[in-house]
N, C-alpha and C. Protein backbone atom coordinates (compact mmCIF):
# COMPACT_ATOMS: atom_id res chain seq x y z
N MET A 1 61.63 55.68 154.27
CA MET A 1 61.30 55.62 152.86
C MET A 1 62.46 56.15 152.03
N GLU A 2 62.48 55.74 150.78
CA GLU A 2 63.55 56.20 149.88
C GLU A 2 62.96 57.01 148.74
N ILE A 3 63.65 58.09 148.41
CA ILE A 3 63.30 58.91 147.25
C ILE A 3 64.42 58.74 146.23
N ALA A 4 64.07 58.27 145.05
CA ALA A 4 65.07 57.99 144.01
C ALA A 4 65.78 59.28 143.58
N GLU A 5 66.99 59.08 143.08
CA GLU A 5 67.79 60.22 142.58
C GLU A 5 67.06 60.98 141.48
N ASN A 6 66.25 60.25 140.69
CA ASN A 6 65.54 60.89 139.58
C ASN A 6 64.02 60.92 139.79
N ALA A 7 63.59 60.79 141.05
CA ALA A 7 62.15 60.87 141.33
C ALA A 7 61.63 62.24 140.92
N ALA A 8 60.47 62.26 140.28
CA ALA A 8 59.88 63.53 139.85
C ALA A 8 58.96 64.09 140.93
N LEU A 9 58.93 65.41 141.03
CA LEU A 9 57.94 66.10 141.86
C LEU A 9 56.86 66.60 140.90
N VAL A 10 55.63 66.12 141.09
CA VAL A 10 54.52 66.52 140.23
C VAL A 10 53.68 67.54 140.99
N VAL A 11 53.76 68.79 140.55
CA VAL A 11 53.10 69.91 141.23
C VAL A 11 51.78 70.17 140.50
N VAL A 12 50.69 69.73 141.12
CA VAL A 12 49.39 69.70 140.45
C VAL A 12 48.57 70.97 140.72
N ASP A 13 48.33 71.74 139.68
CA ASP A 13 47.32 72.82 139.68
C ASP A 13 47.48 73.83 140.81
N VAL A 14 48.69 74.26 141.08
CA VAL A 14 48.88 75.28 142.13
C VAL A 14 48.69 76.65 141.48
N GLN A 15 47.42 76.97 141.25
CA GLN A 15 47.03 78.13 140.46
C GLN A 15 46.30 79.19 141.29
N LYS A 16 46.43 80.43 140.82
CA LYS A 16 45.85 81.57 141.54
C LYS A 16 44.34 81.46 141.70
N GLY A 17 43.68 80.83 140.76
CA GLY A 17 42.22 80.71 140.81
C GLY A 17 41.71 80.02 142.06
N PHE A 18 42.56 79.19 142.68
CA PHE A 18 42.14 78.50 143.90
C PHE A 18 42.13 79.42 145.12
N GLU A 19 42.61 80.65 144.96
CA GLU A 19 42.55 81.63 146.05
C GLU A 19 41.15 82.25 146.16
N GLU A 20 40.31 82.04 145.17
CA GLU A 20 38.97 82.65 145.14
C GLU A 20 38.00 81.84 145.99
N GLU A 21 38.03 82.12 147.29
CA GLU A 21 37.26 81.34 148.25
C GLU A 21 35.75 81.38 148.01
N GLU A 22 35.28 82.51 147.50
CA GLU A 22 33.83 82.61 147.27
C GLU A 22 33.36 81.62 146.20
N PHE A 23 34.25 81.20 145.34
CA PHE A 23 33.92 80.21 144.31
C PHE A 23 34.03 78.79 144.87
N TRP A 24 35.10 78.52 145.60
CA TRP A 24 35.40 77.15 146.04
C TRP A 24 34.85 76.80 147.40
N GLY A 25 34.76 77.78 148.29
CA GLY A 25 34.32 77.50 149.66
C GLY A 25 35.48 77.39 150.62
N THR A 26 35.24 76.73 151.73
CA THR A 26 36.22 76.63 152.81
C THR A 26 37.26 75.56 152.51
N ARG A 27 38.53 75.92 152.69
CA ARG A 27 39.63 74.98 152.45
C ARG A 27 40.19 74.45 153.75
N ASN A 28 41.02 73.44 153.63
CA ASN A 28 41.76 72.91 154.77
C ASN A 28 43.25 73.21 154.60
N ASN A 29 44.02 72.80 155.56
CA ASN A 29 45.49 72.79 155.51
C ASN A 29 46.13 74.08 155.02
N PRO A 30 46.10 75.13 155.84
CA PRO A 30 46.75 76.40 155.46
C PRO A 30 48.26 76.29 155.27
N GLU A 31 48.87 75.21 155.77
CA GLU A 31 50.33 75.04 155.61
C GLU A 31 50.73 74.45 154.25
N ALA A 32 49.75 74.08 153.45
CA ALA A 32 50.05 73.38 152.18
C ALA A 32 51.01 74.15 151.29
N ASP A 33 50.77 75.44 151.10
CA ASP A 33 51.61 76.22 150.19
C ASP A 33 53.07 76.26 150.65
N ASP A 34 53.29 76.42 151.96
CA ASP A 34 54.66 76.40 152.48
C ASP A 34 55.32 75.04 152.25
N ASN A 35 54.55 73.98 152.43
CA ASN A 35 55.09 72.63 152.21
C ASN A 35 55.40 72.37 150.74
N ILE A 36 54.53 72.85 149.85
CA ILE A 36 54.79 72.71 148.41
C ILE A 36 56.07 73.46 148.05
N ALA A 37 56.18 74.70 148.53
CA ALA A 37 57.37 75.52 148.23
C ALA A 37 58.64 74.85 148.73
N SER A 38 58.60 74.28 149.94
CA SER A 38 59.79 73.66 150.50
C SER A 38 60.20 72.41 149.71
N LEU A 39 59.21 71.65 149.24
CA LEU A 39 59.54 70.47 148.42
C LEU A 39 60.09 70.88 147.06
N LEU A 40 59.54 71.93 146.49
CA LEU A 40 60.09 72.46 145.24
C LEU A 40 61.56 72.84 145.42
N ASP A 41 61.86 73.50 146.54
CA ASP A 41 63.24 73.92 146.80
C ASP A 41 64.17 72.72 146.92
N VAL A 42 63.73 71.68 147.62
CA VAL A 42 64.55 70.47 147.76
C VAL A 42 64.77 69.83 146.39
N TRP A 43 63.71 69.72 145.60
CA TRP A 43 63.82 69.08 144.29
C TRP A 43 64.76 69.86 143.38
N GLN A 44 64.61 71.16 143.39
CA GLN A 44 65.44 71.97 142.49
C GLN A 44 66.89 72.01 142.94
N SER A 45 67.13 72.02 144.25
CA SER A 45 68.52 72.08 144.73
C SER A 45 69.23 70.74 144.57
N THR A 46 68.47 69.63 144.49
CA THR A 46 69.10 68.32 144.33
C THR A 46 69.11 67.88 142.86
N GLY A 47 68.63 68.72 141.96
CA GLY A 47 68.68 68.42 140.53
C GLY A 47 67.67 67.38 140.06
N ARG A 48 66.64 67.16 140.87
CA ARG A 48 65.61 66.19 140.47
C ARG A 48 64.60 66.86 139.53
N PRO A 49 63.91 66.05 138.71
CA PRO A 49 62.95 66.61 137.76
C PRO A 49 61.66 67.09 138.42
N VAL A 50 61.12 68.17 137.87
CA VAL A 50 59.87 68.75 138.36
C VAL A 50 58.88 68.86 137.20
N VAL A 51 57.65 68.43 137.46
CA VAL A 51 56.56 68.56 136.48
C VAL A 51 55.56 69.57 137.04
N PHE A 52 55.35 70.65 136.29
CA PHE A 52 54.34 71.64 136.66
C PHE A 52 53.08 71.35 135.85
N VAL A 53 51.98 71.12 136.56
CA VAL A 53 50.72 70.78 135.90
C VAL A 53 49.76 71.96 136.06
N ARG A 54 49.14 72.35 134.95
CA ARG A 54 48.18 73.47 134.97
C ARG A 54 46.84 73.00 134.43
N HIS A 55 45.79 73.31 135.17
CA HIS A 55 44.44 72.95 134.73
C HIS A 55 43.86 74.10 133.91
N ASP A 56 43.57 73.83 132.65
CA ASP A 56 42.93 74.81 131.76
C ASP A 56 41.45 74.45 131.67
N SER A 57 40.67 75.01 132.59
CA SER A 57 39.26 74.63 132.69
C SER A 57 38.47 75.02 131.44
N THR A 58 37.57 74.13 131.04
CA THR A 58 36.67 74.41 129.91
C THR A 58 35.34 74.98 130.39
N THR A 59 35.18 75.15 131.70
CA THR A 59 33.97 75.73 132.27
C THR A 59 34.09 77.25 132.22
N PRO A 60 33.17 77.93 131.53
CA PRO A 60 33.31 79.38 131.29
C PRO A 60 33.47 80.23 132.56
N GLU A 61 32.80 79.85 133.66
CA GLU A 61 32.88 80.67 134.87
C GLU A 61 33.98 80.23 135.83
N SER A 62 34.75 79.22 135.48
CA SER A 62 35.79 78.72 136.37
C SER A 62 36.94 79.72 136.52
N PRO A 63 37.42 79.91 137.77
CA PRO A 63 38.60 80.75 137.98
C PRO A 63 39.87 80.17 137.35
N LEU A 64 39.81 78.93 136.85
CA LEU A 64 40.98 78.29 136.22
C LEU A 64 40.93 78.33 134.70
N ARG A 65 39.98 79.08 134.15
CA ARG A 65 39.84 79.12 132.68
C ARG A 65 41.01 79.88 132.04
N PRO A 66 41.46 79.42 130.88
CA PRO A 66 42.54 80.11 130.16
C PRO A 66 42.14 81.55 129.83
N GLY A 67 43.12 82.44 129.91
CA GLY A 67 42.86 83.84 129.61
C GLY A 67 42.45 84.65 130.82
N TYR A 68 42.16 83.96 131.94
CA TYR A 68 41.79 84.63 133.18
C TYR A 68 42.98 84.56 134.13
N VAL A 69 43.14 85.59 134.96
CA VAL A 69 44.31 85.66 135.86
C VAL A 69 44.44 84.42 136.75
N GLY A 70 43.32 83.81 137.12
CA GLY A 70 43.34 82.64 137.98
C GLY A 70 43.96 81.41 137.35
N ASN A 71 44.10 81.41 136.04
CA ASN A 71 44.71 80.28 135.34
C ASN A 71 46.20 80.17 135.61
N GLY A 72 46.82 81.29 135.95
CA GLY A 72 48.27 81.30 136.18
C GLY A 72 48.67 80.62 137.47
N PHE A 73 49.92 80.18 137.53
CA PHE A 73 50.44 79.58 138.76
C PHE A 73 50.54 80.62 139.87
N LYS A 74 50.41 80.16 141.12
CA LYS A 74 50.63 81.04 142.25
C LYS A 74 52.07 81.57 142.15
N GLU A 75 52.28 82.76 142.71
CA GLU A 75 53.57 83.44 142.57
C GLU A 75 54.76 82.59 143.01
N TYR A 76 54.65 81.91 144.15
CA TYR A 76 55.80 81.14 144.64
C TYR A 76 56.15 79.98 143.72
N VAL A 77 55.19 79.50 142.95
CA VAL A 77 55.47 78.45 141.97
C VAL A 77 56.06 79.08 140.71
N GLU A 78 55.43 80.12 140.22
CA GLU A 78 55.91 80.78 138.99
C GLU A 78 57.35 81.24 139.13
N GLU A 79 57.69 81.80 140.29
CA GLU A 79 59.05 82.33 140.45
C GLU A 79 60.10 81.23 140.55
N ARG A 80 59.68 79.99 140.79
CA ARG A 80 60.62 78.87 140.86
C ARG A 80 60.76 78.15 139.52
N ARG A 81 59.86 78.38 138.61
CA ARG A 81 59.94 77.69 137.32
C ARG A 81 61.24 78.06 136.59
N GLY A 82 61.88 77.04 136.03
CA GLY A 82 63.11 77.28 135.29
C GLY A 82 64.33 77.50 136.16
N LYS A 83 64.21 77.34 137.48
CA LYS A 83 65.32 77.64 138.38
C LYS A 83 66.07 76.40 138.86
N GLY A 84 65.51 75.23 138.62
CA GLY A 84 66.13 74.01 139.13
C GLY A 84 67.25 73.49 138.24
N ALA A 85 68.08 72.62 138.82
CA ALA A 85 69.18 72.01 138.07
C ALA A 85 68.71 70.80 137.27
N GLY A 86 67.51 70.30 137.58
CA GLY A 86 66.99 69.11 136.90
C GLY A 86 66.05 69.43 135.76
N ALA A 87 65.60 68.39 135.10
CA ALA A 87 64.67 68.53 133.98
C ALA A 87 63.34 69.11 134.48
N GLU A 88 62.65 69.80 133.58
CA GLU A 88 61.38 70.40 133.92
C GLU A 88 60.39 70.17 132.79
N LEU A 89 59.12 69.98 133.16
CA LEU A 89 58.09 69.78 132.16
C LEU A 89 56.84 70.54 132.58
N LEU A 90 56.19 71.18 131.62
CA LEU A 90 54.89 71.81 131.85
C LEU A 90 53.84 70.95 131.16
N VAL A 91 52.87 70.49 131.93
CA VAL A 91 51.75 69.71 131.39
C VAL A 91 50.48 70.53 131.57
N THR A 92 49.70 70.67 130.50
CA THR A 92 48.39 71.32 130.62
C THR A 92 47.32 70.26 130.40
N LYS A 93 46.20 70.44 131.12
CA LYS A 93 45.14 69.44 131.06
C LYS A 93 43.78 70.10 131.23
N THR A 94 42.73 69.37 130.83
CA THR A 94 41.36 69.85 131.00
C THR A 94 40.54 68.88 131.85
N VAL A 95 41.16 67.79 132.28
CA VAL A 95 40.50 66.79 133.12
C VAL A 95 41.31 66.62 134.40
N ASN A 96 40.93 65.66 135.26
CA ASN A 96 41.57 65.52 136.56
C ASN A 96 43.00 64.97 136.51
N SER A 97 43.25 63.98 135.69
CA SER A 97 44.55 63.31 135.69
C SER A 97 45.59 64.03 134.85
N ALA A 98 46.76 64.24 135.45
CA ALA A 98 47.88 64.82 134.70
C ALA A 98 48.36 63.88 133.59
N PHE A 99 47.97 62.61 133.68
CA PHE A 99 48.34 61.66 132.63
C PHE A 99 47.49 61.82 131.38
N TYR A 100 46.41 62.59 131.47
CA TYR A 100 45.60 62.91 130.29
C TYR A 100 45.79 64.36 129.90
N GLY A 101 47.04 64.81 129.91
CA GLY A 101 47.37 66.18 129.54
C GLY A 101 48.29 66.21 128.35
N SER A 102 48.83 67.38 128.08
CA SER A 102 49.74 67.56 126.96
C SER A 102 50.96 68.34 127.43
N PRO A 103 52.18 67.84 127.14
CA PRO A 103 52.49 66.58 126.47
C PRO A 103 52.18 65.36 127.36
N ASP A 104 52.37 64.18 126.78
CA ASP A 104 52.06 62.92 127.44
C ASP A 104 53.03 62.65 128.60
N LEU A 105 52.51 62.71 129.82
CA LEU A 105 53.36 62.56 131.02
C LEU A 105 53.97 61.16 131.12
N ASP A 106 53.19 60.15 130.84
CA ASP A 106 53.69 58.77 130.89
C ASP A 106 54.86 58.58 129.92
N ALA A 107 54.72 59.10 128.70
CA ALA A 107 55.78 58.99 127.70
C ALA A 107 57.04 59.73 128.16
N TRP A 108 56.85 60.90 128.76
CA TRP A 108 58.00 61.68 129.24
C TRP A 108 58.71 60.95 130.37
N PHE A 109 57.93 60.42 131.33
CA PHE A 109 58.53 59.64 132.42
C PHE A 109 59.35 58.48 131.87
N LYS A 110 58.78 57.76 130.91
CA LYS A 110 59.48 56.60 130.34
C LYS A 110 60.77 57.03 129.63
N ALA A 111 60.70 58.12 128.88
CA ALA A 111 61.87 58.64 128.17
C ALA A 111 62.97 59.07 129.14
N GLU A 112 62.57 59.59 130.29
CA GLU A 112 63.53 60.07 131.29
C GLU A 112 63.96 58.97 132.27
N GLY A 113 63.36 57.78 132.15
CA GLY A 113 63.69 56.68 133.05
C GLY A 113 63.16 56.87 134.47
N ILE A 114 62.07 57.62 134.60
CA ILE A 114 61.49 57.91 135.91
C ILE A 114 60.47 56.83 136.29
N THR A 115 60.65 56.23 137.47
CA THR A 115 59.72 55.20 137.93
C THR A 115 59.02 55.58 139.23
N GLN A 116 59.46 56.67 139.85
CA GLN A 116 58.88 57.13 141.11
C GLN A 116 58.54 58.61 141.00
N PHE A 117 57.37 58.99 141.52
CA PHE A 117 57.06 60.42 141.58
C PHE A 117 56.29 60.77 142.84
N VAL A 118 56.42 62.02 143.23
CA VAL A 118 55.78 62.56 144.43
C VAL A 118 54.71 63.55 143.99
N VAL A 119 53.50 63.40 144.52
CA VAL A 119 52.39 64.28 144.18
C VAL A 119 52.19 65.33 145.28
N VAL A 120 52.11 66.60 144.84
CA VAL A 120 51.71 67.71 145.71
C VAL A 120 50.73 68.57 144.92
N GLY A 121 49.96 69.41 145.62
CA GLY A 121 49.12 70.35 144.89
C GLY A 121 47.67 70.39 145.31
N ILE A 122 46.84 70.82 144.37
CA ILE A 122 45.43 71.13 144.62
C ILE A 122 44.57 70.43 143.56
N GLN A 123 43.45 69.92 143.87
CA GLN A 123 42.85 69.63 145.15
C GLN A 123 43.20 68.20 145.55
N THR A 124 43.33 68.00 146.85
CA THR A 124 43.71 66.70 147.40
C THR A 124 42.90 65.55 146.79
N ASN A 125 41.58 65.70 146.83
CA ASN A 125 40.66 64.60 146.47
C ASN A 125 40.21 64.65 145.01
N MET A 126 40.76 65.56 144.25
CA MET A 126 40.37 65.67 142.83
C MET A 126 41.59 65.37 141.96
N CYS A 127 42.25 66.40 141.46
CA CYS A 127 43.33 66.19 140.49
C CYS A 127 44.57 65.55 141.10
N ALA A 128 44.88 65.88 142.36
CA ALA A 128 46.04 65.24 143.00
C ALA A 128 45.78 63.74 143.19
N GLU A 129 44.61 63.41 143.73
CA GLU A 129 44.27 62.01 143.94
C GLU A 129 44.17 61.24 142.63
N THR A 130 43.52 61.82 141.62
CA THR A 130 43.34 61.13 140.35
C THR A 130 44.68 60.86 139.68
N THR A 131 45.59 61.82 139.75
CA THR A 131 46.93 61.64 139.18
C THR A 131 47.67 60.52 139.92
N ALA A 132 47.55 60.50 141.24
CA ALA A 132 48.20 59.45 142.04
C ALA A 132 47.62 58.08 141.72
N ARG A 133 46.29 57.99 141.65
CA ARG A 133 45.65 56.70 141.34
C ARG A 133 46.09 56.18 139.98
N MET A 134 46.08 57.06 138.99
CA MET A 134 46.43 56.63 137.65
C MET A 134 47.91 56.23 137.58
N GLY A 135 48.76 56.97 138.28
CA GLY A 135 50.17 56.61 138.34
C GLY A 135 50.36 55.23 138.94
N GLY A 136 49.61 54.94 140.00
CA GLY A 136 49.67 53.61 140.60
C GLY A 136 49.22 52.53 139.64
N ASN A 137 48.14 52.81 138.90
CA ASN A 137 47.64 51.86 137.91
C ASN A 137 48.64 51.62 136.79
N LEU A 138 49.41 52.65 136.45
CA LEU A 138 50.39 52.54 135.37
C LEU A 138 51.70 51.89 135.82
N GLY A 139 51.78 51.58 137.11
CA GLY A 139 52.96 50.86 137.61
C GLY A 139 54.04 51.72 138.22
N TYR A 140 53.77 53.01 138.42
CA TYR A 140 54.76 53.88 139.06
C TYR A 140 54.71 53.70 140.57
N GLU A 141 55.83 54.00 141.20
CA GLU A 141 55.87 54.09 142.66
C GLU A 141 55.46 55.51 143.01
N VAL A 142 54.29 55.65 143.58
CA VAL A 142 53.72 56.97 143.84
C VAL A 142 53.80 57.31 145.31
N VAL A 143 54.30 58.50 145.61
CA VAL A 143 54.35 59.03 146.96
C VAL A 143 53.43 60.25 146.99
N PHE A 144 52.56 60.29 147.98
CA PHE A 144 51.57 61.37 148.09
C PHE A 144 51.87 62.15 149.36
N ALA A 145 52.35 63.39 149.20
CA ALA A 145 52.68 64.23 150.35
C ALA A 145 51.40 64.94 150.80
N LEU A 146 50.65 64.32 151.71
CA LEU A 146 49.30 64.77 152.05
C LEU A 146 49.23 66.22 152.52
N ASP A 147 50.17 66.62 153.36
CA ASP A 147 50.11 67.99 153.89
C ASP A 147 50.71 69.02 152.94
N ALA A 148 51.08 68.59 151.75
CA ALA A 148 51.46 69.51 150.67
C ALA A 148 50.34 69.54 149.63
N THR A 149 49.12 69.26 150.09
CA THR A 149 47.92 69.36 149.26
C THR A 149 46.83 70.02 150.09
N TYR A 150 45.82 70.54 149.41
CA TYR A 150 44.62 70.97 150.13
C TYR A 150 43.41 70.86 149.24
N THR A 151 42.23 70.94 149.90
CA THR A 151 40.98 70.85 149.15
C THR A 151 39.91 71.71 149.82
N PHE A 152 38.68 71.56 149.39
CA PHE A 152 37.57 72.40 149.85
C PHE A 152 36.39 71.53 150.27
N ASP A 153 35.53 72.09 151.11
CA ASP A 153 34.28 71.42 151.48
C ASP A 153 33.51 71.09 150.20
N LEU A 154 32.74 70.01 150.24
CA LEU A 154 32.06 69.57 149.02
C LEU A 154 30.71 68.94 149.32
N ALA A 155 29.72 69.28 148.49
CA ALA A 155 28.39 68.66 148.57
C ALA A 155 28.33 67.51 147.59
N GLY A 156 27.66 66.43 147.99
CA GLY A 156 27.53 65.25 147.14
C GLY A 156 26.09 64.83 147.01
N PRO A 157 25.85 63.55 146.74
CA PRO A 157 24.48 63.06 146.59
C PRO A 157 23.79 62.88 147.94
N PHE A 158 22.50 62.65 147.91
CA PHE A 158 21.70 62.30 149.09
C PHE A 158 21.74 63.35 150.20
N GLY A 159 22.06 64.60 149.80
CA GLY A 159 22.17 65.65 150.80
C GLY A 159 23.44 65.58 151.63
N TRP A 160 24.36 64.72 151.25
CA TRP A 160 25.62 64.58 151.98
C TRP A 160 26.52 65.76 151.70
N ARG A 161 27.25 66.16 152.73
CA ARG A 161 28.26 67.21 152.59
C ARG A 161 29.45 66.80 153.46
N ARG A 162 30.63 66.99 152.96
CA ARG A 162 31.83 66.66 153.73
C ARG A 162 32.76 67.86 153.79
N GLU A 163 33.38 68.03 154.95
CA GLU A 163 34.34 69.11 155.11
C GLU A 163 35.65 68.72 154.43
N ALA A 164 36.43 69.74 154.10
CA ALA A 164 37.68 69.53 153.37
C ALA A 164 38.61 68.54 154.07
N GLU A 165 38.73 68.65 155.38
CA GLU A 165 39.64 67.76 156.11
C GLU A 165 39.16 66.31 156.06
N GLU A 166 37.86 66.10 156.11
CA GLU A 166 37.31 64.75 155.99
C GLU A 166 37.62 64.17 154.60
N LEU A 167 37.48 64.99 153.58
CA LEU A 167 37.77 64.55 152.21
C LEU A 167 39.25 64.21 152.05
N ALA A 168 40.12 65.03 152.65
CA ALA A 168 41.57 64.77 152.57
C ALA A 168 41.91 63.45 153.25
N GLN A 169 41.29 63.20 154.41
CA GLN A 169 41.55 61.95 155.11
C GLN A 169 41.03 60.75 154.31
N ALA A 170 39.88 60.91 153.68
CA ALA A 170 39.33 59.83 152.85
C ALA A 170 40.27 59.53 151.68
N THR A 171 40.82 60.57 151.08
CA THR A 171 41.80 60.38 150.00
C THR A 171 43.01 59.60 150.52
N ALA A 172 43.52 60.02 151.67
CA ALA A 172 44.70 59.36 152.24
C ALA A 172 44.44 57.88 152.49
N VAL A 173 43.28 57.58 153.06
CA VAL A 173 42.93 56.19 153.36
C VAL A 173 42.77 55.38 152.08
N SER A 174 42.09 55.95 151.09
CA SER A 174 41.87 55.23 149.82
C SER A 174 43.18 54.98 149.08
N LEU A 175 44.02 56.00 148.99
CA LEU A 175 45.28 55.86 148.25
C LEU A 175 46.22 54.88 148.96
N HIS A 176 46.39 55.07 150.26
CA HIS A 176 47.35 54.26 151.02
C HIS A 176 46.79 52.86 151.23
N GLY A 177 45.56 52.79 151.72
CA GLY A 177 44.95 51.50 151.99
C GLY A 177 44.69 50.68 150.74
N GLY A 178 44.44 51.38 149.64
CA GLY A 178 44.17 50.71 148.37
C GLY A 178 45.41 50.38 147.56
N GLY A 179 46.57 50.77 148.06
CA GLY A 179 47.82 50.43 147.40
C GLY A 179 48.15 51.28 146.18
N PHE A 180 47.48 52.41 146.02
CA PHE A 180 47.78 53.28 144.89
C PHE A 180 49.05 54.10 145.12
N ALA A 181 49.26 54.48 146.38
CA ALA A 181 50.37 55.38 146.71
C ALA A 181 50.75 55.20 148.17
N GLN A 182 51.96 55.63 148.48
CA GLN A 182 52.41 55.71 149.86
C GLN A 182 52.11 57.12 150.33
N VAL A 183 51.24 57.27 151.32
CA VAL A 183 50.84 58.59 151.81
C VAL A 183 51.70 58.95 153.02
N VAL A 184 52.40 60.08 152.91
CA VAL A 184 53.34 60.51 153.95
C VAL A 184 53.23 62.02 154.14
N THR A 185 54.05 62.55 155.05
CA THR A 185 54.10 64.00 155.25
C THR A 185 55.19 64.62 154.37
N ALA A 186 55.07 65.91 154.17
CA ALA A 186 56.09 66.65 153.42
C ALA A 186 57.44 66.54 154.12
N GLU A 187 57.43 66.55 155.45
CA GLU A 187 58.68 66.44 156.21
C GLU A 187 59.38 65.12 155.94
N THR A 188 58.61 64.04 155.86
CA THR A 188 59.18 62.73 155.55
C THR A 188 59.83 62.74 154.16
N VAL A 189 59.14 63.34 153.20
CA VAL A 189 59.68 63.43 151.84
C VAL A 189 60.93 64.28 151.80
N ARG A 190 60.89 65.43 152.47
CA ARG A 190 62.06 66.33 152.51
C ARG A 190 63.26 65.61 153.08
N GLY A 191 63.05 64.90 154.19
CA GLY A 191 64.14 64.18 154.83
C GLY A 191 64.74 63.12 153.93
N ALA A 192 63.88 62.38 153.25
CA ALA A 192 64.35 61.30 152.37
C ALA A 192 65.04 61.85 151.12
N ALA A 193 64.55 62.97 150.61
CA ALA A 193 65.11 63.54 149.38
C ALA A 193 66.41 64.29 149.62
N ALA A 194 66.62 64.75 150.85
CA ALA A 194 67.81 65.53 151.16
C ALA A 194 69.02 64.66 151.46
N ARG A 195 68.79 63.37 151.62
CA ARG A 195 69.90 62.45 151.94
C ARG A 195 70.91 62.32 150.81
């Protein structure tokens, strides 16, 4: 695979509030944070653009609500902000898609001439997936680094419940099989971006 010279890394909702397991439940992929950090390092050292996305929850009890410590980025993300040689953008949102945030991500991509982006972050099957799907619909070449994302067990309708890993696999199949994004590993992305 090829990673463009100006491909953006879209870091979705890597916030402290997701550490509150009693709120979210059981997560998958403990290696996700290391993979996100390593991709950030590659992007910043190669001068590629990085988009930091923050979810400002409107739900009063959410660990991601503004004004609460959980709203802030995890330390390894915060300490990397402003350190790269490439352009940087902070997008805040209250819904799943980073394309429905402020400032307008699609407009920024177009202004910067960006046609390819890589999605990493939290949660795999929520904001990361929705951002990837919408990017695909808007005509971008979307790469989804599956093991640089994680999610949590979830209850649904009809008494159904799915474990986090099952949900992550379903996201991968839907995105890749449905043509929304190319789903790969962080190692594949690192290798392609370091060339």
